[in-house]
């Protein structure tokens, strides 16, 4: 039993869902999952067209501790990209890429990047990515210690390989594991904190 007054959850956020508890237009929010108690909110976010691990809690102190890059909480993403990734593109991702955020140039921090062979197996996406018979795809695993808006997509596009599907698989020691889209599990505070290094 969780002795903490706070509650801690891991969710596999589905593709197309907003990382918030209110729907907007045709985009559904987390309230449609009926899985979380009142006052729980996401730590950070994933874009609607990204999927994977989202952490939620009602512990207000965690937002700054988890999201500030100075604490170096590593996030792992699997990106299915258009084309067969080159070693030169991986090298650029590893040293950092010059991007534009809010009209200002930004050099990304060094990342870990490698091609995934064999390709990873994830639940089918609904709807599936667009298929082009004459253009191959490949998978990259990227580990970052920062998470600016649409950063992974901007990084892969900047090195010539646009992202088609993006899944966050872990944050520090917390991993998606066998969760399916829309599924969540609750963790005890001691386990949650240990796995994210706090």
Protein backbone atom coordinates (compact mmCIF):
# COMPACT_ATOMS: atom_id res chain seq x y z
CA UNK A 1 0.00 0.00 0.00
CA UNK A 2 1.25 3.51 -0.84
CA UNK A 3 1.87 5.26 2.51
CA UNK A 4 2.52 8.60 0.77
CA UNK A 5 -0.30 11.17 0.60
CA UNK A 6 0.67 11.59 -3.05
CA UNK A 7 0.05 9.22 -5.94
CA UNK A 8 2.32 8.30 -8.84
CA UNK A 9 1.37 6.80 -12.20
CA UNK A 10 2.93 5.61 -15.43
CA UNK A 11 0.77 5.81 -18.57
CA UNK A 12 1.25 4.68 -22.16
CA UNK A 13 -0.22 7.77 -23.81
CA UNK A 14 -1.87 6.73 -27.07
CA UNK A 15 -1.25 8.41 -30.42
CA UNK A 16 -3.61 11.33 -31.05
CA UNK A 17 -4.33 12.03 -27.38
CA UNK A 18 -3.47 15.31 -25.66
CA UNK A 19 -1.25 15.33 -22.55
CA UNK A 20 -3.91 17.16 -20.54
CA UNK A 21 -7.23 16.49 -18.86
CA UNK A 22 -9.38 18.44 -21.31
CA UNK A 23 -10.26 17.53 -24.87
CA UNK A 24 -9.96 20.12 -27.63
CA UNK A 25 -12.00 19.76 -30.80
CA UNK A 26 -11.35 16.31 -32.23
CA UNK A 27 -8.36 15.71 -29.92
CA UNK A 28 -9.23 13.70 -26.82
CA UNK A 29 -7.70 14.41 -23.43
CA UNK A 30 -6.60 12.12 -20.61
CA UNK A 31 -9.98 12.46 -18.88
CA UNK A 32 -11.38 10.01 -21.44
CA UNK A 33 -9.26 7.21 -19.96
CA UNK A 34 -11.08 7.25 -16.60
CA UNK A 35 -7.93 6.00 -14.92
CA UNK A 36 -6.78 8.81 -12.64
CA UNK A 37 -7.97 10.44 -9.42
CA UNK A 38 -8.68 14.14 -9.10
CA UNK A 39 -5.71 16.56 -8.86
CA UNK A 40 -3.28 14.24 -10.69
CA UNK A 41 -1.54 15.95 -13.61
CA UNK A 42 1.15 15.04 -16.19
CA UNK A 43 4.84 15.67 -15.50
CA UNK A 44 5.85 17.23 -18.79
CA UNK A 45 4.04 16.31 -21.96
CA UNK A 46 4.04 14.41 -25.21
CA UNK A 47 2.65 15.94 -28.38
CA UNK A 48 -0.67 14.53 -29.58
CA UNK A 49 1.10 12.80 -32.47
CA UNK A 50 3.69 11.22 -30.17
CA UNK A 51 3.01 8.28 -27.89
CA UNK A 52 4.52 6.37 -25.03
CA UNK A 53 5.52 6.96 -21.43
CA UNK A 54 3.84 9.81 -19.57
CA UNK A 55 4.24 10.23 -15.81
CA UNK A 56 1.43 11.64 -13.69
CA UNK A 57 1.23 12.69 -10.04
CA UNK A 58 -0.36 15.10 -7.60
CA UNK A 59 3.06 15.71 -5.99
CA UNK A 60 3.66 19.36 -6.95
CA UNK A 61 7.38 19.38 -6.12
CA UNK A 62 8.28 16.93 -8.87
CA UNK A 63 7.64 19.06 -11.94
CA UNK A 64 10.77 21.22 -11.57
CA UNK A 65 12.95 18.37 -10.31
CA UNK A 66 12.08 16.10 -13.21
CA UNK A 67 11.96 18.57 -16.10
CA UNK A 68 14.96 20.85 -15.41
CA UNK A 69 17.87 19.74 -17.68
CA UNK A 70 20.41 20.42 -14.91
CA UNK A 71 19.15 17.29 -13.15
CA UNK A 72 19.91 15.25 -16.30
CA UNK A 73 16.92 12.93 -16.21
CA UNK A 74 17.50 10.84 -19.30
CA UNK A 75 14.54 10.24 -21.60
CA UNK A 76 14.63 7.49 -24.22
CA UNK A 77 12.72 7.73 -27.49
CA UNK A 78 12.29 5.29 -30.35
CA UNK A 79 11.76 7.13 -33.63
CA UNK A 80 10.70 5.47 -36.86
CA UNK A 81 12.13 7.70 -39.56
CA UNK A 82 11.86 8.03 -43.30
CA UNK A 83 14.88 6.53 -45.04
CA UNK A 84 17.79 4.37 -43.90
CA UNK A 85 19.64 6.30 -41.21
CA UNK A 86 23.29 7.06 -42.00
CA UNK A 87 26.20 6.96 -39.59
CA UNK A 88 26.82 10.65 -40.35
CA UNK A 89 23.27 11.52 -39.22
CA UNK A 90 23.77 9.56 -36.00
CA UNK A 91 27.06 11.39 -35.39
CA UNK A 92 25.33 14.76 -35.79
CA UNK A 93 22.63 13.75 -33.34
CA UNK A 94 25.27 12.66 -30.84
CA UNK A 95 27.19 15.95 -30.87
CA UNK A 96 24.13 18.19 -31.02
CA UNK A 97 22.06 19.82 -33.73
CA UNK A 98 21.38 23.51 -34.31
CA UNK A 99 17.61 24.05 -34.22
CA UNK A 100 15.19 26.95 -34.06
CA UNK A 101 12.87 27.37 -31.07
CA UNK A 102 10.57 30.38 -30.89
CA UNK A 103 12.63 32.17 -33.53
CA UNK A 104 15.91 31.69 -31.68
CA UNK A 105 18.80 29.34 -32.56
CA UNK A 106 19.38 26.52 -30.08
CA UNK A 107 22.14 23.92 -30.00
CA UNK A 108 20.82 20.66 -28.60
CA UNK A 109 22.80 18.97 -25.87
CA UNK A 110 24.77 15.85 -26.85
CA UNK A 111 22.50 12.82 -27.18
CA UNK A 112 22.99 9.09 -27.37
CA UNK A 113 21.82 7.81 -30.75
CA UNK A 114 21.96 4.49 -32.52
CA UNK A 115 20.07 2.58 -35.18
CA UNK A 116 17.82 -0.19 -33.87
CA UNK A 117 18.54 -3.57 -35.45
CA UNK A 118 16.42 -5.61 -35.34
CA UNK A 119 13.55 -3.17 -35.46
CA UNK A 120 11.59 -2.84 -32.20
CA UNK A 121 8.12 -4.31 -31.81
CA UNK A 122 5.42 -1.96 -30.56
CA UNK A 123 1.63 -2.16 -30.53
CA UNK A 124 0.07 -1.19 -33.86
CA UNK A 125 -0.61 2.52 -34.15
CA UNK A 126 -4.13 3.67 -34.95
CA UNK A 127 -4.09 5.03 -37.59
CA UNK A 128 -0.88 3.45 -38.95
CA UNK A 129 1.89 5.60 -40.38
CA UNK A 130 1.70 6.39 -44.09
CA UNK A 131 3.28 3.64 -46.16
CA UNK A 132 5.40 4.36 -49.25
CA UNK A 133 6.63 1.27 -51.05
CA UNK A 134 9.60 3.07 -52.64
CA UNK A 135 10.85 4.77 -49.45
CA UNK A 136 12.25 2.53 -46.68
CA UNK A 137 12.04 3.35 -42.99
CA UNK A 138 14.38 2.69 -40.09
CA UNK A 139 14.32 3.06 -36.32
CA UNK A 140 16.59 5.22 -34.14
CA UNK A 141 16.85 5.09 -30.36
CA UNK A 142 17.64 8.51 -28.90
CA UNK A 143 18.45 9.35 -25.30
CA UNK A 144 18.17 13.02 -24.31
CA UNK A 145 18.45 14.95 -21.07
CA UNK A 146 16.21 17.76 -22.31
CA UNK A 147 12.77 17.88 -23.82
CA UNK A 148 11.94 21.00 -25.77
CA UNK A 149 8.75 21.15 -27.83
CA UNK A 150 8.90 18.61 -30.69
CA UNK A 151 12.65 18.35 -30.17
CA UNK A 152 13.17 14.78 -31.39
CA UNK A 153 11.18 15.44 -34.55
CA UNK A 154 13.15 18.60 -35.22
CA UNK A 155 16.44 16.81 -34.60
CA UNK A 156 15.80 13.91 -36.98
CA UNK A 157 14.44 16.26 -39.66
CA UNK A 158 17.53 18.49 -39.30
CA UNK A 159 19.81 15.55 -40.16
CA UNK A 160 17.68 14.50 -43.13
CA UNK A 161 15.43 11.79 -41.66
CA UNK A 162 11.91 13.01 -40.81
CA UNK A 163 10.17 11.18 -37.96
CA UNK A 164 7.11 9.13 -38.89
CA UNK A 165 6.36 7.58 -35.50
CA UNK A 166 7.71 8.62 -32.10
CA UNK A 167 7.45 6.62 -28.87
CA UNK A 168 8.94 7.61 -25.51
CA UNK A 169 9.97 4.35 -23.90
CA UNK A 170 11.56 5.47 -20.64
CA UNK A 171 12.33 8.31 -18.27
CA UNK A 172 15.40 7.50 -16.19
CA UNK A 173 14.64 4.08 -14.66
CA UNK A 174 10.92 4.04 -15.46
CA UNK A 175 10.10 2.01 -18.59
CA UNK A 176 6.96 1.35 -20.62
CA UNK A 177 7.46 -2.39 -20.18
CA UNK A 178 4.37 -4.32 -21.22
CA UNK A 179 1.96 -1.38 -21.02
CA UNK A 180 -0.35 -1.02 -24.02
CA UNK A 181 -1.70 2.31 -25.34
CA UNK A 182 -4.15 3.72 -22.82
CA UNK A 183 -2.98 1.47 -19.98
CA UNK A 184 -1.50 2.81 -16.75
CA UNK A 185 -0.08 1.49 -13.50
CA UNK A 186 0.32 3.13 -10.09
CA UNK A 187 3.66 2.97 -8.32
CA UNK A 188 4.53 3.40 -4.66
CA UNK A 189 6.39 6.62 -3.91
CA UNK A 190 9.60 4.85 -2.84
CA UNK A 191 9.73 2.90 -6.11
CA UNK A 192 8.86 5.90 -8.28
CA UNK A 193 11.46 8.14 -6.64
CA UNK A 194 14.20 5.52 -6.75
CA UNK A 195 13.67 4.82 -10.43
CA UNK A 196 13.82 8.49 -11.41
CA UNK A 197 16.81 9.13 -9.15
CA UNK A 198 15.19 11.44 -6.61
